Amino acid sequence: MYNKKTQLRKEADRLAWVATIKIRGIDCEICGEPMEDVHHCYRKGMYPHLRYDLDNLSILCRECHDKPDRTILNLLEEKRGKEWRKRLDEKAKEDIHKRITISWYEDNIKKLKHIMKDSNKTDIIEEIIDIQPFSTNKLFQGKRYRTKEYKQYSDGALMIMPKLKMIKGQVAIFFRFYCRSNRSDLDNFYKSALDLITKKGWIQDDSYVYFLQGQKILVKTKEEQRIEVKIIKM
């Protein structure tokens, strides 16, 4: 029961994120800077019934996301209008102790899928590349030539990566790099990972990447090292 609810919650979270981006775009609604995350105007921990309500979700940059909640609401009201604020405030007064059941998650997933269908179907790739992240520091010999070490790494990775239908046009990409070393900066992993998914034909090329976010996760064993990637058509 717990596992099913967890899986449904993660799926609903993903759909809400994609639906919000499809509707609101990838620039901060307040200042126009590149987005950092999808923000819950009324916090999902305190108002769980609004977790997947798109009125309660907004696109914010890092700086705006760090503003006080009330300030964010006031600034969004200037953009979205008083009717939106009144509607959302009324929803926040509803029974916040409603039981969050499996059927509640399933109903929200259906609603979000319907919303996404109405706003054009969103292509998504979610894959695990079962190979250790490769640092950009080892990628080039000089400024122009890729190293033999990288060629071996690339050939091995491309062999185990599945052939998938290319997502054409603008994409948002999220990486999780599982590695043993704490010495490499997160930024050092992006270039080689983007090179792999482009060579494999998952995206057209990295010029179509309009949002890129990553996370470095330290693991203890070589076997745990891998790259997780999520690609979403914008």
Protein backbone atom coordinates (compact mmCIF):
# COMPACT_ATOMS: atom_id res chain seq x y z
CA MET A 1 0.00 0.00 0.00
CA TYR A 2 2.75 2.43 0.98
CA ASN A 3 4.78 1.73 -2.14
CA LYS A 4 1.80 2.29 -4.41
CA LYS A 5 0.93 5.58 -2.75
CA THR A 6 4.55 6.70 -3.02
CA GLN A 7 4.67 5.82 -6.71
CA LEU A 8 1.43 7.66 -7.37
CA ARG A 9 2.66 10.71 -5.48
CA LYS A 10 5.87 10.82 -7.52
CA GLU A 11 3.92 10.45 -10.75
CA ALA A 12 1.49 13.20 -9.76
CA ASP A 13 4.41 15.45 -8.74
CA ARG A 14 6.02 14.92 -12.15
CA LEU A 15 2.81 15.59 -14.06
CA ALA A 16 2.11 18.73 -12.03
CA TRP A 17 5.63 20.01 -12.74
CA VAL A 18 5.30 19.38 -16.48
CA ALA A 19 1.77 20.78 -16.67
CA THR A 20 2.86 23.95 -14.87
CA ILE A 21 5.75 24.46 -17.28
CA LYS A 22 3.49 23.80 -20.27
CA ILE A 23 1.05 26.44 -19.04
CA ARG A 24 3.37 29.00 -17.42
CA GLY A 25 6.57 28.60 -19.45
CA ILE A 26 10.13 28.34 -18.16
CA ASP A 27 10.75 31.95 -17.09
CA CYS A 28 10.06 33.33 -13.64
CA GLU A 29 6.52 34.71 -13.52
CA ILE A 30 7.61 37.61 -11.34
CA CYS A 31 10.85 38.90 -12.87
CA GLY A 32 11.34 36.98 -16.12
CA GLU A 33 14.65 35.36 -15.14
CA PRO A 34 15.26 31.64 -15.91
CA MET A 35 13.25 29.34 -13.66
CA GLU A 36 14.74 27.57 -10.68
CA ASP A 37 11.75 25.46 -9.70
CA VAL A 38 7.99 25.06 -9.58
CA HIS A 39 6.75 26.79 -6.43
CA HIS A 40 3.70 26.05 -4.27
CA CYS A 41 2.14 29.39 -3.30
CA TYR A 42 0.43 27.76 -0.34
CA ARG A 43 2.93 25.24 1.00
CA LYS A 44 2.11 21.64 0.20
CA GLY A 45 2.99 20.50 3.72
CA MET A 46 0.42 22.80 5.30
CA TYR A 47 -2.11 22.71 2.44
CA PRO A 48 -1.81 19.19 1.00
CA HIS A 49 -5.14 19.49 -0.85
CA LEU A 50 -3.54 22.22 -3.04
CA ARG A 51 -0.46 20.17 -3.92
CA TYR A 52 -1.64 19.57 -7.51
CA ASP A 53 -3.90 22.58 -8.00
CA LEU A 54 -2.36 24.53 -10.87
CA ASP A 55 -3.69 27.79 -9.43
CA ASN A 56 -1.33 27.12 -6.52
CA LEU A 57 1.73 26.38 -8.69
CA SER A 58 4.04 28.97 -10.16
CA ILE A 59 7.35 29.23 -11.98
CA LEU A 60 9.99 31.13 -10.01
CA CYS A 61 13.71 31.88 -10.23
CA ARG A 62 16.00 31.31 -7.26
CA GLU A 63 15.88 34.91 -6.03
CA CYS A 64 12.10 35.21 -6.19
CA HIS A 65 11.66 31.76 -4.69
CA ASP A 66 13.57 32.93 -1.61
CA LYS A 67 11.12 35.78 -0.95
CA PRO A 68 8.59 35.43 1.89
CA ASP A 69 5.44 33.49 0.93
CA ARG A 70 3.13 36.49 1.38
CA THR A 71 5.38 38.65 -0.81
CA ILE A 72 5.33 36.02 -3.56
CA LEU A 73 1.53 35.87 -3.44
CA ASN A 74 1.27 39.66 -3.68
CA LEU A 75 3.68 39.83 -6.62
CA LEU A 76 1.89 37.02 -8.45
CA GLU A 77 -1.42 38.77 -7.87
CA GLU A 78 -0.05 41.74 -9.82
CA LYS A 79 0.65 39.37 -12.73
CA ARG A 80 -2.35 37.03 -12.57
CA GLY A 81 -5.02 39.37 -11.24
CA LYS A 82 -7.28 39.69 -8.22
CA GLU A 83 -9.71 37.00 -9.38
CA TRP A 84 -6.92 34.41 -9.26
CA ARG A 85 -5.91 35.52 -5.74
CA LYS A 86 -9.49 35.43 -4.50
CA ARG A 87 -10.04 31.97 -6.01
CA LEU A 88 -6.83 30.57 -4.51
CA ASP A 89 -7.46 32.07 -1.07
CA GLU A 90 -10.92 30.47 -1.04
CA LYS A 91 -9.45 27.10 -1.94
CA ALA A 92 -6.93 27.44 0.90
CA LYS A 93 -9.81 27.70 3.39
CA GLU A 94 -11.22 24.33 2.37
CA ASP A 95 -10.77 21.24 4.53
CA ILE A 96 -7.00 20.82 4.67
CA HIS A 97 -7.36 17.60 6.65
CA LYS A 98 -8.99 15.72 3.78
CA ARG A 99 -7.64 12.18 3.74
CA ILE A 100 -4.89 11.85 1.12
CA THR A 101 -5.70 8.41 -0.23
CA ILE A 102 -4.58 6.33 -3.21
CA SER A 103 -7.80 7.25 -5.01
CA TRP A 104 -7.09 10.95 -4.35
CA TYR A 105 -3.72 10.63 -6.07
CA GLU A 106 -5.28 8.66 -8.93
CA ASP A 107 -7.94 11.33 -9.45
CA ASN A 108 -5.31 14.07 -9.55
CA ILE A 109 -3.20 12.11 -12.03
CA LYS A 110 -6.22 11.79 -14.33
CA LYS A 111 -6.93 15.53 -14.08
CA LEU A 112 -3.30 16.46 -14.79
CA LYS A 113 -3.10 14.12 -17.78
CA HIS A 114 -6.28 15.67 -19.16
CA ILE A 115 -4.84 19.16 -18.70
CA MET A 116 -1.62 18.16 -20.47
CA LYS A 117 -3.56 16.58 -23.31
CA ASP A 118 -5.42 19.85 -23.81
CA SER A 119 -2.12 21.78 -23.87
CA ASN A 120 -0.46 19.42 -26.40
CA LYS A 121 1.04 16.09 -25.46
CA THR A 122 4.38 16.38 -23.70
CA ASP A 123 7.12 13.99 -24.72
CA ILE A 124 9.22 12.70 -21.83
CA ILE A 125 12.30 10.49 -21.59
CA GLU A 126 13.30 9.03 -18.23
CA GLU A 127 16.34 6.75 -18.33
CA ILE A 128 19.20 5.41 -16.23
CA ILE A 129 22.59 5.22 -17.95
CA ASP A 130 24.40 2.52 -16.03
CA ILE A 131 27.86 4.06 -16.27
CA GLN A 132 29.85 6.40 -14.07
CA PRO A 133 29.70 10.16 -14.76
CA PHE A 134 32.63 11.45 -16.83
CA SER A 135 34.32 14.73 -15.94
CA THR A 136 34.82 17.39 -18.61
CA ASN A 137 38.40 17.73 -17.33
CA LYS A 138 39.11 14.36 -19.00
CA LEU A 139 37.04 15.07 -22.11
CA PHE A 140 39.39 17.16 -24.24
CA GLN A 141 43.04 16.95 -25.17
CA GLY A 142 43.94 20.59 -25.63
CA LYS A 143 40.99 22.65 -26.86
CA ARG A 144 39.89 20.68 -29.91
CA TYR A 145 40.36 16.93 -29.60
CA ARG A 146 38.51 14.46 -27.43
CA THR A 147 40.75 12.09 -25.48
CA LYS A 148 41.10 8.36 -26.17
CA GLU A 149 39.82 7.78 -22.65
CA TYR A 150 36.62 9.62 -23.50
CA LYS A 151 36.20 7.75 -26.79
CA GLN A 152 36.33 4.44 -24.91
CA TYR A 153 33.90 5.77 -22.32
CA SER A 154 31.55 7.13 -24.99
CA ASP A 155 31.58 3.93 -27.06
CA GLY A 156 30.77 1.86 -23.99
CA ALA A 157 27.96 4.15 -22.87
CA LEU A 158 26.35 4.33 -26.32
CA MET A 159 26.30 0.54 -26.51
CA ILE A 160 24.20 0.20 -23.36
CA MET A 161 21.93 3.20 -23.96
CA PRO A 162 18.59 2.26 -25.57
CA LYS A 163 17.53 3.69 -28.91
CA LEU A 164 14.58 6.01 -28.24
CA LYS A 165 12.37 8.29 -30.25
CA MET A 166 14.04 11.70 -30.49
CA ILE A 167 12.41 14.59 -28.68
CA LYS A 168 12.57 17.45 -31.17
CA GLY A 169 12.61 21.12 -30.30
CA GLN A 170 13.15 22.82 -26.95
CA VAL A 171 13.72 20.55 -23.97
CA ALA A 172 14.26 20.73 -20.23
CA ILE A 173 16.83 18.26 -18.92
CA PHE A 174 17.41 17.08 -15.38
CA PHE A 175 20.44 15.00 -14.44
CA ARG A 176 21.37 13.08 -11.33
CA PHE A 177 25.03 12.07 -11.26
CA TYR A 178 25.85 9.26 -8.84
CA CYS A 179 29.62 9.25 -8.27
CA ARG A 180 32.21 8.23 -5.72
CA SER A 181 34.49 11.25 -5.91
CA ASN A 182 33.71 14.53 -4.20
CA ARG A 183 36.45 16.37 -6.11
CA SER A 184 34.66 17.00 -9.42
CA ASP A 185 32.30 19.95 -9.61
CA LEU A 186 28.75 19.27 -10.75
CA ASP A 187 29.26 21.43 -13.85
CA ASN A 188 32.06 19.13 -15.04
CA PHE A 189 29.60 16.31 -15.75
CA TYR A 190 27.17 18.19 -17.99
CA LYS A 191 29.18 18.33 -21.22
CA SER A 192 29.91 14.62 -21.53
CA ALA A 193 26.35 13.66 -20.53
CA LEU A 194 24.82 16.04 -23.09
CA ASP A 195 27.25 14.69 -25.68
CA LEU A 196 26.02 11.14 -25.04
CA ILE A 197 22.29 11.84 -25.29
CA THR A 198 22.86 13.89 -28.45
CA LYS A 199 24.96 11.17 -30.10
CA LYS A 200 22.32 8.58 -29.20
CA GLY A 201 19.65 10.71 -30.82
CA TRP A 202 17.53 11.41 -27.75
CA ILE A 203 17.63 15.17 -28.53
CA GLN A 204 18.54 17.12 -31.66
CA ASP A 205 21.56 18.83 -30.11
CA ASP A 206 22.43 20.78 -26.98
CA SER A 207 21.41 24.11 -28.54
CA TYR A 208 17.81 22.99 -27.93
CA VAL A 209 18.37 22.61 -24.19
CA TYR A 210 16.50 25.53 -22.65
CA PHE A 211 16.57 24.36 -19.04
CA LEU A 212 19.32 22.30 -17.43
CA GLN A 213 19.45 21.22 -13.83
CA GLY A 214 21.56 18.63 -12.07
CA GLN A 215 22.36 17.04 -8.76
CA LYS A 216 25.51 15.24 -7.63
CA ILE A 217 24.96 12.31 -5.29
CA LEU A 218 27.87 10.61 -3.56
CA VAL A 219 27.84 6.81 -3.45
CA LYS A 220 30.17 4.33 -1.78
CA THR A 221 30.73 1.68 -4.44
CA LYS A 222 31.66 1.62 -8.11
CA GLU A 223 28.55 -0.43 -8.89
CA GLU A 224 26.30 2.38 -7.61
CA GLN A 225 27.73 4.94 -10.03
CA ARG A 226 25.30 5.95 -12.77
CA ILE A 227 23.57 8.81 -14.54
CA GLU A 228 19.83 9.38 -14.29
CA VAL A 229 18.32 11.68 -16.88
CA LYS A 230 14.88 13.14 -17.43
CA ILE A 231 14.16 15.01 -20.68
CA ILE A 232 10.91 16.93 -21.11
CA LYS A 233 9.70 18.55 -24.31
CA MET A 234 8.92 22.18 -23.62
